[in-house]
Amino acid sequence: MQRYLPALLGELFNSKLNDQNATVKEFTHIFCFIFLI
């Protein structure tokens, strides 16, 4: 499962740069991150 962590972090940073809805995506990524751990 740790394979997905870099991808999640990459998507998180990309969403911060590209989207104004970054906060929503951040929360979804955080929840995914929590469930992976």
N, C-alpha and C. Protein backbone atom coordinates (compact mmCIF):
# COMPACT_ATOMS: atom_id res chain seq x y z
N MET A 1 0.83 -1.21 0.00
CA MET A 1 0.00 0.00 0.00
C MET A 1 0.86 1.26 0.00
N GLN A 2 2.08 1.15 0.48
CA GLN A 2 2.94 2.33 0.55
C GLN A 2 3.34 2.83 -0.83
N ARG A 3 3.10 2.02 -1.87
CA ARG A 3 3.38 2.47 -3.23
C ARG A 3 2.55 3.68 -3.58
N TYR A 4 1.35 3.75 -3.01
CA TYR A 4 0.40 4.80 -3.42
C TYR A 4 0.68 6.14 -2.73
N LEU A 5 1.47 6.13 -1.68
CA LEU A 5 1.69 7.37 -0.94
C LEU A 5 2.35 8.46 -1.80
N PRO A 6 3.40 8.17 -2.56
CA PRO A 6 3.97 9.23 -3.41
C PRO A 6 2.97 9.76 -4.43
N ALA A 7 2.14 8.87 -4.99
CA ALA A 7 1.14 9.30 -5.95
C ALA A 7 0.12 10.21 -5.29
N LEU A 8 -0.31 9.85 -4.08
CA LEU A 8 -1.28 10.68 -3.36
C LEU A 8 -0.69 12.04 -3.06
N LEU A 9 0.56 12.06 -2.61
CA LEU A 9 1.19 13.34 -2.30
C LEU A 9 1.36 14.17 -3.56
N GLY A 10 1.73 13.52 -4.66
CA GLY A 10 1.89 14.23 -5.93
C GLY A 10 0.57 14.84 -6.39
N GLU A 11 -0.51 14.07 -6.29
CA GLU A 11 -1.82 14.58 -6.68
C GLU A 11 -2.23 15.72 -5.77
N LEU A 12 -1.89 15.60 -4.49
CA LEU A 12 -2.24 16.64 -3.53
C LEU A 12 -1.56 17.95 -3.92
N PHE A 13 -0.26 17.92 -4.20
CA PHE A 13 0.44 19.14 -4.57
C PHE A 13 -0.06 19.68 -5.90
N ASN A 14 -0.32 18.78 -6.86
CA ASN A 14 -0.83 19.22 -8.16
C ASN A 14 -2.19 19.88 -8.01
N SER A 15 -3.04 19.33 -7.14
CA SER A 15 -4.36 19.91 -6.96
C SER A 15 -4.24 21.28 -6.29
N LYS A 16 -3.25 21.43 -5.39
CA LYS A 16 -3.04 22.74 -4.77
C LYS A 16 -2.68 23.78 -5.83
N LEU A 17 -1.83 23.38 -6.77
CA LEU A 17 -1.36 24.33 -7.78
C LEU A 17 -2.43 24.61 -8.82
N ASN A 18 -3.20 23.59 -9.18
CA ASN A 18 -4.08 23.71 -10.34
C ASN A 18 -5.52 24.06 -10.01
N ASP A 19 -6.03 23.53 -8.89
CA ASP A 19 -7.46 23.67 -8.62
C ASP A 19 -7.72 24.67 -7.50
N GLN A 20 -8.86 25.34 -7.62
CA GLN A 20 -9.32 26.17 -6.52
C GLN A 20 -10.09 25.33 -5.51
N ASN A 21 -10.48 24.12 -5.93
CA ASN A 21 -11.16 23.20 -5.02
C ASN A 21 -10.16 22.30 -4.33
N ALA A 22 -8.94 22.78 -4.17
CA ALA A 22 -7.86 21.96 -3.62
C ALA A 22 -8.21 21.47 -2.20
N THR A 23 -8.93 22.30 -1.46
CA THR A 23 -9.22 21.92 -0.08
C THR A 23 -10.06 20.64 -0.04
N VAL A 24 -11.02 20.54 -0.95
CA VAL A 24 -11.87 19.35 -0.99
C VAL A 24 -11.02 18.13 -1.33
N LYS A 25 -10.14 18.27 -2.32
CA LYS A 25 -9.29 17.16 -2.72
C LYS A 25 -8.31 16.82 -1.61
N GLU A 26 -7.83 17.84 -0.90
CA GLU A 26 -6.93 17.57 0.22
C GLU A 26 -7.61 16.71 1.27
N PHE A 27 -8.86 17.04 1.59
CA PHE A 27 -9.57 16.24 2.59
C PHE A 27 -9.76 14.81 2.11
N THR A 28 -10.09 14.64 0.82
CA THR A 28 -10.26 13.27 0.31
C THR A 28 -8.94 12.52 0.36
N HIS A 29 -7.84 13.20 0.02
CA HIS A 29 -6.54 12.54 0.07
C HIS A 29 -6.15 12.21 1.49
N ILE A 30 -6.49 13.11 2.42
CA ILE A 30 -6.18 12.85 3.83
C ILE A 30 -6.95 11.64 4.33
N PHE A 31 -8.23 11.55 3.95
CA PHE A 31 -9.02 10.39 4.38
C PHE A 31 -8.45 9.11 3.77
N CYS A 32 -8.06 9.16 2.49
CA CYS A 32 -7.44 7.98 1.85
C CYS A 32 -6.15 7.62 2.57
N PHE A 33 -5.37 8.63 2.92
CA PHE A 33 -4.10 8.42 3.61
C PHE A 33 -4.34 7.73 4.95
N ILE A 34 -5.36 8.20 5.68
CA ILE A 34 -5.70 7.61 6.98
C ILE A 34 -6.12 6.15 6.81
N PHE A 35 -6.94 5.89 5.79
CA PHE A 35 -7.42 4.51 5.59
C PHE A 35 -6.28 3.59 5.17
N LEU A 36 -5.30 4.12 4.42
CA LEU A 36 -4.16 3.29 4.02
C LEU A 36 -3.32 2.90 5.23
N ILE A 37 -3.24 3.79 6.20
CA ILE A 37 -2.48 3.48 7.42
C ILE A 37 -3.39 2.70 8.36
